[in-house]
Amino acid sequence: MPNYATSTCRNVFWVTPALVILAASWASAADLTVICPGGGPGAYSSITAALSAITNNAGPNSVTVSGTCTENIVIRNQNNLHIQAAPGSTAVITNAANPVAITVQLTGSHLVTFNGLSVQGGNPGLFVSQDSDLEMDNSIVENNVGTGAIVLVNSDHSCPNCVFIVEGFK
């Protein structure tokens, strides 16, 4: 006859480490809020500050933005990152550099999504490179120098339901 107590106990030892690893990954996911300018209770004052607070670059991580964030953002080696406008609000990322520089740059980042954002005033507005992929939905890229977006070096950018307004073609 099989010894069910031994068999069940052995299975518990296999399941327990898997649950611990899974629980650790859930615990490290970040769900951050940004209110530009100035922040607020429980909210970061910039997207850059929120990205710096992420401790698990493997994700999933989420950043919800409201207001106009005047900054130049570099998203480096992030995976499974979602940046979206707060429900019912407008979220704008506009260039802060003088002279004008890249507003949003992705390098070595995968499964990055933007939803409901406006990227403005950069040279270019978006720069996606070094094997990165960015999906934007319901977003606008406008008032940027040149083409508005550059995608290169084995990278991908998809933009369903987006608008690109290029200088001279408004």
N, C-alpha and C. Protein backbone atom coordinates (compact mmCIF):
# COMPACT_ATOMS: atom_id res chain seq x y z
N MET A 1 0.83 -1.19 0.00
CA MET A 1 0.00 0.00 0.00
C MET A 1 0.87 1.25 0.00
N PRO A 2 0.46 2.27 -0.77
CA PRO A 2 1.24 3.51 -0.77
C PRO A 2 1.12 4.25 0.55
N ASN A 3 2.16 4.95 0.89
CA ASN A 3 2.17 5.74 2.11
C ASN A 3 1.76 7.18 1.72
N TYR A 4 0.46 7.50 1.87
CA TYR A 4 -0.05 8.79 1.45
C TYR A 4 0.49 9.94 2.30
N ALA A 5 0.74 9.71 3.54
CA ALA A 5 1.28 10.77 4.40
C ALA A 5 2.63 11.21 3.90
N THR A 6 3.49 10.29 3.52
CA THR A 6 4.81 10.64 3.01
C THR A 6 4.69 11.34 1.68
N SER A 7 3.83 10.87 0.79
CA SER A 7 3.64 11.45 -0.52
C SER A 7 3.11 12.87 -0.41
N THR A 8 2.13 13.10 0.44
CA THR A 8 1.55 14.43 0.63
C THR A 8 2.58 15.38 1.21
N CYS A 9 3.33 14.94 2.16
CA CYS A 9 4.35 15.77 2.80
C CYS A 9 5.40 16.17 1.77
N ARG A 10 5.81 15.25 0.93
CA ARG A 10 6.82 15.52 -0.09
C ARG A 10 6.29 16.59 -1.05
N ASN A 11 5.02 16.53 -1.44
CA ASN A 11 4.44 17.52 -2.34
C ASN A 11 4.36 18.90 -1.71
N VAL A 12 4.12 18.95 -0.41
CA VAL A 12 4.06 20.23 0.29
C VAL A 12 5.43 20.91 0.24
N PHE A 13 6.51 20.14 0.34
CA PHE A 13 7.84 20.73 0.29
C PHE A 13 8.16 21.30 -1.09
N TRP A 14 7.57 20.73 -2.14
CA TRP A 14 7.78 21.27 -3.48
C TRP A 14 6.92 22.50 -3.72
N VAL A 15 5.72 22.52 -3.21
CA VAL A 15 4.80 23.63 -3.43
C VAL A 15 5.21 24.85 -2.61
N THR A 16 5.67 24.67 -1.41
CA THR A 16 6.01 25.78 -0.52
C THR A 16 7.06 26.72 -1.12
N PRO A 17 8.21 26.23 -1.63
CA PRO A 17 9.17 27.17 -2.22
C PRO A 17 8.59 27.93 -3.42
N ALA A 18 7.77 27.27 -4.20
CA ALA A 18 7.16 27.94 -5.35
C ALA A 18 6.25 29.07 -4.89
N LEU A 19 5.48 28.86 -3.84
CA LEU A 19 4.60 29.91 -3.31
C LEU A 19 5.40 31.06 -2.73
N VAL A 20 6.51 30.77 -2.08
CA VAL A 20 7.36 31.83 -1.51
C VAL A 20 7.93 32.69 -2.62
N ILE A 21 8.40 32.05 -3.70
CA ILE A 21 8.96 32.81 -4.82
C ILE A 21 7.87 33.65 -5.48
N LEU A 22 6.70 33.09 -5.69
CA LEU A 22 5.59 33.81 -6.29
C LEU A 22 5.15 34.97 -5.40
N ALA A 23 5.05 34.75 -4.12
CA ALA A 23 4.66 35.81 -3.19
C ALA A 23 5.69 36.93 -3.19
N ALA A 24 6.97 36.60 -3.28
CA ALA A 24 8.01 37.62 -3.31
C ALA A 24 7.89 38.49 -4.55
N SER A 25 7.55 37.89 -5.70
CA SER A 25 7.41 38.69 -6.90
C SER A 25 6.17 39.59 -6.82
N TRP A 26 5.08 39.11 -6.23
CA TRP A 26 3.90 39.95 -6.06
C TRP A 26 4.20 41.12 -5.13
N ALA A 27 4.94 40.87 -4.07
CA ALA A 27 5.23 41.90 -3.08
C ALA A 27 6.09 43.02 -3.64
N SER A 28 6.89 42.72 -4.67
CA SER A 28 7.81 43.72 -5.16
C SER A 28 7.24 44.56 -6.31
N ALA A 29 6.06 44.27 -6.77
CA ALA A 29 5.45 45.07 -7.81
C ALA A 29 5.10 46.45 -7.26
N ALA A 30 5.40 47.49 -8.05
CA ALA A 30 5.15 48.86 -7.61
C ALA A 30 3.92 49.42 -8.32
N ASP A 31 3.09 50.13 -7.58
CA ASP A 31 1.93 50.83 -8.11
C ASP A 31 2.03 52.26 -7.58
N LEU A 32 2.64 53.14 -8.37
CA LEU A 32 3.02 54.47 -7.91
C LEU A 32 2.14 55.56 -8.55
N THR A 33 2.03 56.68 -7.85
CA THR A 33 1.24 57.80 -8.33
C THR A 33 2.14 59.03 -8.45
N VAL A 34 1.97 59.78 -9.53
CA VAL A 34 2.72 61.02 -9.77
C VAL A 34 1.71 62.14 -9.98
N ILE A 35 1.89 63.25 -9.27
CA ILE A 35 1.10 64.45 -9.48
C ILE A 35 2.08 65.57 -9.80
N CYS A 36 1.99 66.09 -11.03
CA CYS A 36 2.90 67.15 -11.46
C CYS A 36 2.12 68.45 -11.58
N PRO A 37 2.73 69.56 -11.24
CA PRO A 37 3.98 69.66 -10.49
C PRO A 37 3.73 69.55 -8.98
N GLY A 38 4.74 69.22 -8.27
CA GLY A 38 4.71 69.32 -6.82
C GLY A 38 4.36 68.10 -6.01
N GLY A 39 3.81 67.07 -6.59
CA GLY A 39 3.46 65.88 -5.82
C GLY A 39 2.21 66.08 -4.99
N GLY A 40 2.12 65.36 -3.90
CA GLY A 40 0.96 65.40 -3.03
C GLY A 40 1.06 64.27 -2.05
N PRO A 41 0.10 64.12 -1.15
CA PRO A 41 0.15 63.03 -0.18
C PRO A 41 0.22 61.66 -0.87
N GLY A 42 1.29 60.94 -0.60
CA GLY A 42 1.47 59.61 -1.18
C GLY A 42 1.81 59.61 -2.66
N ALA A 43 2.12 60.77 -3.23
CA ALA A 43 2.41 60.87 -4.66
C ALA A 43 3.79 61.47 -4.89
N TYR A 44 4.43 61.03 -5.94
CA TYR A 44 5.73 61.58 -6.34
C TYR A 44 5.52 62.86 -7.13
N SER A 45 6.54 63.74 -7.14
CA SER A 45 6.43 65.02 -7.85
C SER A 45 6.94 64.93 -9.28
N SER A 46 7.50 63.78 -9.67
CA SER A 46 7.96 63.60 -11.05
C SER A 46 7.93 62.12 -11.41
N ILE A 47 7.88 61.86 -12.71
CA ILE A 47 7.94 60.48 -13.18
C ILE A 47 9.32 59.92 -12.90
N THR A 48 10.36 60.74 -13.06
CA THR A 48 11.73 60.30 -12.78
C THR A 48 11.86 59.82 -11.33
N ALA A 49 11.28 60.55 -10.39
CA ALA A 49 11.33 60.14 -8.98
C ALA A 49 10.61 58.82 -8.76
N ALA A 50 9.46 58.65 -9.41
CA ALA A 50 8.71 57.39 -9.27
C ALA A 50 9.52 56.23 -9.85
N LEU A 51 10.12 56.42 -11.03
CA LEU A 51 10.93 55.36 -11.63
C LEU A 51 12.12 55.00 -10.75
N SER A 52 12.71 55.99 -10.10
CA SER A 52 13.85 55.73 -9.19
C SER A 52 13.43 54.91 -7.98
N ALA A 53 12.17 54.98 -7.61
CA ALA A 53 11.67 54.25 -6.44
C ALA A 53 11.38 52.78 -6.74
N ILE A 54 11.35 52.41 -8.00
CA ILE A 54 11.08 51.02 -8.38
C ILE A 54 12.29 50.16 -8.05
N THR A 55 12.07 49.12 -7.26
CA THR A 55 13.18 48.25 -6.85
C THR A 55 13.23 46.95 -7.63
N ASN A 56 12.16 46.61 -8.34
CA ASN A 56 12.12 45.38 -9.11
C ASN A 56 11.90 45.72 -10.58
N ASN A 57 12.99 45.84 -11.34
CA ASN A 57 12.88 46.22 -12.74
C ASN A 57 12.19 45.17 -13.60
N ALA A 58 11.96 43.97 -13.06
CA ALA A 58 11.29 42.92 -13.82
C ALA A 58 9.78 43.14 -13.89
N GLY A 59 9.24 43.97 -12.99
CA GLY A 59 7.82 44.29 -13.00
C GLY A 59 6.96 43.15 -12.51
N PRO A 60 5.67 43.29 -12.62
CA PRO A 60 4.98 44.42 -13.26
C PRO A 60 4.98 45.65 -12.36
N ASN A 61 5.16 46.80 -12.99
CA ASN A 61 5.14 48.07 -12.26
C ASN A 61 4.22 49.03 -13.00
N SER A 62 3.55 49.88 -12.23
CA SER A 62 2.59 50.82 -12.79
C SER A 62 2.81 52.20 -12.21
N VAL A 63 2.77 53.22 -13.08
CA VAL A 63 2.89 54.61 -12.66
C VAL A 63 1.70 55.36 -13.23
N THR A 64 0.89 55.96 -12.37
CA THR A 64 -0.28 56.73 -12.78
C THR A 64 0.05 58.21 -12.63
N VAL A 65 -0.14 58.98 -13.71
CA VAL A 65 0.32 60.37 -13.77
C VAL A 65 -0.85 61.31 -14.00
N SER A 66 -0.82 62.46 -13.31
CA SER A 66 -1.75 63.55 -13.62
C SER A 66 -0.98 64.86 -13.62
N GLY A 67 -1.44 65.80 -14.43
CA GLY A 67 -0.79 67.09 -14.52
C GLY A 67 0.24 67.14 -15.63
N THR A 68 1.01 68.24 -15.64
CA THR A 68 2.07 68.44 -16.63
C THR A 68 3.41 68.27 -15.95
N CYS A 69 4.13 67.23 -16.37
CA CYS A 69 5.45 66.92 -15.81
C CYS A 69 6.50 67.50 -16.76
N THR A 70 7.23 68.51 -16.29
CA THR A 70 8.27 69.13 -17.09
C THR A 70 9.58 68.46 -16.70
N GLU A 71 9.98 67.48 -17.52
CA GLU A 71 11.18 66.70 -17.23
C GLU A 71 11.61 65.92 -18.46
N ASN A 72 12.82 65.43 -18.42
CA ASN A 72 13.35 64.55 -19.45
C ASN A 72 13.54 63.19 -18.79
N ILE A 73 12.88 62.18 -19.34
CA ILE A 73 12.80 60.87 -18.69
C ILE A 73 13.65 59.85 -19.43
N VAL A 74 14.41 59.08 -18.67
CA VAL A 74 15.14 57.95 -19.23
C VAL A 74 14.61 56.69 -18.56
N ILE A 75 14.09 55.79 -19.36
CA ILE A 75 13.59 54.50 -18.86
C ILE A 75 14.61 53.46 -19.31
N ARG A 76 15.39 52.97 -18.35
CA ARG A 76 16.50 52.08 -18.65
C ARG A 76 16.30 50.72 -17.98
N ASN A 77 16.36 49.66 -18.79
CA ASN A 77 16.31 48.27 -18.30
C ASN A 77 15.08 47.98 -17.44
N GLN A 78 13.95 48.51 -17.84
CA GLN A 78 12.68 48.22 -17.16
C GLN A 78 11.91 47.19 -17.97
N ASN A 79 11.22 46.31 -17.30
CA ASN A 79 10.39 45.32 -17.97
C ASN A 79 9.00 45.33 -17.34
N ASN A 80 8.01 45.22 -18.21
CA ASN A 80 6.62 45.17 -17.75
C ASN A 80 6.27 46.43 -16.94
N LEU A 81 6.45 47.57 -17.58
CA LEU A 81 6.20 48.88 -16.97
C LEU A 81 5.04 49.55 -17.70
N HIS A 82 4.05 50.01 -16.94
CA HIS A 82 2.88 50.69 -17.51
C HIS A 82 2.80 52.10 -16.93
N ILE A 83 2.83 53.09 -17.80
CA ILE A 83 2.68 54.49 -17.37
C ILE A 83 1.41 55.01 -18.02
N GLN A 84 0.48 55.50 -17.21
CA GLN A 84 -0.81 55.93 -17.72
C GLN A 84 -1.28 57.21 -17.06
N ALA A 85 -2.18 57.90 -17.77
CA ALA A 85 -2.83 59.08 -17.20
C ALA A 85 -3.84 58.61 -16.16
N ALA A 86 -4.00 59.41 -15.11
CA ALA A 86 -5.01 59.11 -14.10
C ALA A 86 -6.38 59.22 -14.76
N PRO A 87 -7.33 58.38 -14.32
CA PRO A 87 -8.68 58.43 -14.92
C PRO A 87 -9.26 59.85 -14.85
N GLY A 88 -9.76 60.31 -15.98
CA GLY A 88 -10.38 61.62 -16.03
C GLY A 88 -9.42 62.79 -16.04
N SER A 89 -8.11 62.52 -16.14
CA SER A 89 -7.16 63.63 -16.14
C SER A 89 -6.30 63.61 -17.40
N THR A 90 -5.62 64.70 -17.60
CA THR A 90 -4.67 64.81 -18.70
C THR A 90 -3.27 64.68 -18.12
N ALA A 91 -2.44 63.88 -18.76
CA ALA A 91 -1.06 63.73 -18.32
C ALA A 91 -0.14 64.13 -19.47
N VAL A 92 0.70 65.12 -19.20
CA VAL A 92 1.61 65.66 -20.21
C VAL A 92 3.03 65.51 -19.71
N ILE A 93 3.91 65.05 -20.61
CA ILE A 93 5.35 65.03 -20.33
C ILE A 93 5.97 65.99 -21.32
N THR A 94 6.56 67.08 -20.81
CA THR A 94 7.12 68.09 -21.69
C THR A 94 8.60 68.29 -21.38
N ASN A 95 9.35 68.59 -22.41
CA ASN A 95 10.80 68.76 -22.31
C ASN A 95 11.19 69.82 -21.28
N ALA A 96 12.22 69.52 -20.49
CA ALA A 96 12.71 70.46 -19.50
C ALA A 96 14.09 70.99 -19.85
N ALA A 97 14.76 70.38 -20.80
CA ALA A 97 16.16 70.71 -21.09
C ALA A 97 16.29 71.97 -21.92
N ASN A 98 17.41 72.68 -21.70
CA ASN A 98 17.75 73.84 -22.49
C ASN A 98 19.23 73.76 -22.81
N PRO A 99 19.64 73.48 -24.03
CA PRO A 99 18.83 73.37 -25.23
C PRO A 99 17.95 72.11 -25.20
N VAL A 100 16.97 72.11 -26.11
CA VAL A 100 15.98 71.04 -26.17
C VAL A 100 16.68 69.68 -26.35
N ALA A 101 16.21 68.67 -25.61
CA ALA A 101 16.77 67.32 -25.68
C ALA A 101 15.62 66.31 -25.82
N ILE A 102 15.94 65.04 -25.76
CA ILE A 102 14.94 63.97 -25.84
C ILE A 102 14.01 64.09 -24.63
N THR A 103 12.71 64.06 -24.86
CA THR A 103 11.76 64.13 -23.75
C THR A 103 11.65 62.79 -23.04
N VAL A 104 11.41 61.69 -23.80
CA VAL A 104 11.30 60.35 -23.22
C VAL A 104 12.22 59.41 -23.99
N GLN A 105 13.15 58.78 -23.28
CA GLN A 105 14.10 57.85 -23.90
C GLN A 105 13.98 56.47 -23.25
N LEU A 106 13.85 55.43 -24.08
CA LEU A 106 13.84 54.05 -23.61
C LEU A 106 15.08 53.35 -24.12
N THR A 107 15.79 52.66 -23.22
CA THR A 107 16.93 51.85 -23.62
C THR A 107 16.87 50.52 -22.86
N GLY A 108 16.98 49.42 -23.59
CA GLY A 108 17.01 48.10 -22.98
C GLY A 108 15.77 47.77 -22.17
N SER A 109 14.61 48.26 -22.56
CA SER A 109 13.37 48.07 -21.80
C SER A 109 12.33 47.33 -22.64
N HIS A 110 11.60 46.43 -21.99
CA HIS A 110 10.64 45.58 -22.70
C HIS A 110 9.26 45.65 -22.05
N LEU A 111 8.23 45.44 -22.86
CA LEU A 111 6.84 45.46 -22.39
C LEU A 111 6.50 46.77 -21.67
N VAL A 112 6.94 47.87 -22.25
CA VAL A 112 6.63 49.19 -21.70
C VAL A 112 5.42 49.72 -22.44
N THR A 113 4.42 50.20 -21.69
CA THR A 113 3.23 50.76 -22.30
C THR A 113 2.94 52.14 -21.73
N PHE A 114 2.47 53.02 -22.61
CA PHE A 114 1.99 54.35 -22.23
C PHE A 114 0.52 54.40 -22.62
N ASN A 115 -0.32 54.97 -21.77
CA ASN A 115 -1.73 55.10 -22.10
C ASN A 115 -2.22 56.48 -21.68
N GLY A 116 -2.75 57.22 -22.64
CA GLY A 116 -3.34 58.52 -22.35
C GLY A 116 -2.34 59.62 -22.04
N LEU A 117 -1.12 59.53 -22.60
CA LEU A 117 -0.09 60.54 -22.33
C LEU A 117 0.10 61.45 -23.53
N SER A 118 0.58 62.65 -23.26
CA SER A 118 1.01 63.57 -24.31
C SER A 118 2.49 63.83 -24.10
N VAL A 119 3.30 63.56 -25.14
CA VAL A 119 4.76 63.78 -25.07
C VAL A 119 5.06 64.98 -25.96
N GLN A 120 5.69 66.02 -25.36
CA GLN A 120 5.83 67.30 -26.06
C GLN A 120 7.22 67.91 -25.91
N GLY A 121 7.56 68.72 -26.92
CA GLY A 121 8.66 69.67 -26.82
C GLY A 121 10.07 69.11 -26.89
N GLY A 122 10.25 67.87 -27.30
CA GLY A 122 11.59 67.29 -27.31
C GLY A 122 12.25 67.31 -28.67
N ASN A 123 13.50 66.88 -28.67
CA ASN A 123 14.27 66.74 -29.90
C ASN A 123 14.96 65.40 -29.91
N PRO A 124 14.23 64.33 -30.24
CA PRO A 124 12.81 64.21 -30.53
C PRO A 124 12.00 64.05 -29.24
N GLY A 125 10.70 63.86 -29.38
CA GLY A 125 9.85 63.61 -28.21
C GLY A 125 10.11 62.23 -27.64
N LEU A 126 10.21 61.22 -28.53
CA LEU A 126 10.47 59.83 -28.12
C LEU A 126 11.72 59.31 -28.80
N PHE A 127 12.53 58.58 -28.05
CA PHE A 127 13.71 57.92 -28.60
C PHE A 127 13.73 56.51 -28.02
N VAL A 128 13.47 55.52 -28.87
CA VAL A 128 13.36 54.12 -28.43
C VAL A 128 14.53 53.36 -29.06
N SER A 129 15.42 52.80 -28.22
CA SER A 129 16.61 52.14 -28.78
C SER A 129 17.08 50.99 -27.90
N GLN A 130 18.13 50.34 -28.37
CA GLN A 130 18.82 49.26 -27.66
C GLN A 130 17.87 48.14 -27.25
N ASP A 131 17.19 47.58 -28.26
CA ASP A 131 16.35 46.40 -28.06
C ASP A 131 15.17 46.67 -27.13
N SER A 132 14.58 47.86 -27.24
CA SER A 132 13.43 48.23 -26.41
C SER A 132 12.14 48.07 -27.20
N ASP A 133 11.03 47.93 -26.48
CA ASP A 133 9.74 47.98 -27.15
C ASP A 133 8.77 48.81 -26.32
N LEU A 134 8.05 49.66 -27.03
CA LEU A 134 7.10 50.58 -26.42
C LEU A 134 5.79 50.49 -27.17
N GLU A 135 4.71 50.32 -26.43
CA GLU A 135 3.37 50.39 -27.01
C GLU A 135 2.66 51.57 -26.37
N MET A 136 2.17 52.46 -27.23
CA MET A 136 1.42 53.62 -26.75
C MET A 136 -0.02 53.48 -27.24
N ASP A 137 -0.97 53.86 -26.39
CA ASP A 137 -2.37 53.81 -26.77
C ASP A 137 -3.03 55.11 -26.30
N ASN A 138 -3.92 55.65 -27.12
CA ASN A 138 -4.64 56.88 -26.77
C ASN A 138 -3.67 57.98 -26.33
N SER A 139 -2.59 58.14 -27.05
CA SER A 139 -1.56 59.11 -26.69
C SER A 139 -1.28 60.05 -27.85
N ILE A 140 -0.62 61.18 -27.52
CA ILE A 140 -0.29 62.19 -28.52
C ILE A 140 1.19 62.51 -28.41
N VAL A 141 1.85 62.60 -29.56
CA VAL A 141 3.23 63.07 -29.62
C VAL A 141 3.18 64.34 -30.46
N GLU A 142 3.45 65.49 -29.82
CA GLU A 142 3.24 66.76 -30.51
C GLU A 142 4.25 67.82 -30.09
N ASN A 143 4.34 68.86 -30.95
CA ASN A 143 5.18 70.03 -30.68
C ASN A 143 6.63 69.66 -30.39
N ASN A 144 7.12 68.63 -31.09
CA ASN A 144 8.50 68.21 -30.96
C ASN A 144 9.30 68.68 -32.17
N VAL A 145 10.62 68.73 -32.03
CA VAL A 145 11.50 69.09 -33.13
C VAL A 145 11.61 67.88 -34.06
N GLY A 146 11.50 68.09 -35.35
CA GLY A 146 11.68 67.01 -36.31
C GLY A 146 10.53 66.04 -36.33
N THR A 147 10.85 64.73 -36.37
CA THR A 147 9.84 63.70 -36.59
C THR A 147 8.98 63.40 -35.38
N GLY A 148 9.42 63.73 -34.21
CA GLY A 148 8.66 63.44 -33.00
C GLY A 148 9.07 62.15 -32.33
N ALA A 149 9.47 61.14 -33.14
CA ALA A 149 9.88 59.85 -32.57
C ALA A 149 10.97 59.22 -33.43
N ILE A 150 11.94 58.61 -32.77
CA ILE A 150 12.99 57.84 -33.44
C ILE A 150 13.02 56.48 -32.79
N VAL A 151 12.99 55.43 -33.62
CA VAL A 151 13.03 54.05 -33.14
C VAL A 151 14.15 53.35 -33.90
N LEU A 152 15.14 52.79 -33.18
CA LEU A 152 16.25 52.12 -33.85
C LEU A 152 16.89 51.04 -32.99
N VAL A 153 17.92 50.40 -33.52
CA VAL A 153 18.70 49.35 -32.88
C VAL A 153 17.82 48.23 -32.32
N ASN A 154 17.20 47.46 -33.21
CA ASN A 154 16.37 46.30 -32.84
C ASN A 154 15.23 46.64 -31.90
N SER A 155 14.67 47.81 -32.03
CA SER A 155 13.59 48.24 -31.14
C SER A 155 12.27 48.27 -31.89
N ASP A 156 11.18 48.40 -31.13
CA ASP A 156 9.85 48.37 -31.72
C ASP A 156 8.97 49.40 -31.02
N HIS A 157 8.11 50.04 -31.81
CA HIS A 157 7.17 51.03 -31.26
C HIS A 157 5.84 50.85 -31.98
N SER A 158 4.80 50.56 -31.24
CA SER A 158 3.47 50.50 -31.84
C SER A 158 2.60 51.54 -31.15
N CYS A 159 1.66 52.06 -31.92
CA CYS A 159 0.90 53.19 -31.40
C CYS A 159 -0.54 53.18 -31.92
N PRO A 160 -1.33 52.18 -31.49
CA PRO A 160 -2.74 52.21 -31.91
C PRO A 160 -3.46 53.39 -31.23
N ASN A 161 -4.33 54.02 -31.96
CA ASN A 161 -5.13 55.13 -31.42
C ASN A 161 -4.27 56.28 -30.92
N CYS A 162 -3.20 56.58 -31.64
CA CYS A 162 -2.33 57.70 -31.27
C CYS A 162 -2.34 58.75 -32.36
N VAL A 163 -1.89 59.94 -31.99
CA VAL A 163 -1.76 61.04 -32.94
C VAL A 163 -0.33 61.56 -32.87
N PHE A 164 0.29 61.70 -34.04
CA PHE A 164 1.60 62.32 -34.14
C PHE A 164 1.42 63.62 -34.90
N ILE A 165 1.77 64.74 -34.29
CA ILE A 165 1.68 66.03 -34.96
C ILE A 165 3.11 66.49 -35.19
N VAL A 166 3.50 66.51 -36.46
CA VAL A 166 4.87 66.88 -36.84
C VAL A 166 4.86 68.34 -37.28
N GLU A 167 5.88 69.10 -36.86
CA GLU A 167 5.97 70.51 -37.24
C GLU A 167 5.79 70.65 -38.74
N GLY A 168 4.98 71.58 -39.16
CA GLY A 168 4.73 71.82 -40.57
C GLY A 168 3.60 70.97 -41.14
N PHE A 169 3.11 69.97 -40.38
CA PHE A 169 2.05 69.09 -40.87
C PHE A 169 0.85 69.11 -39.94
N LYS A 170 0.67 70.13 -39.15
CA LYS A 170 -0.42 70.18 -38.17
C LYS A 170 -1.76 70.23 -38.85
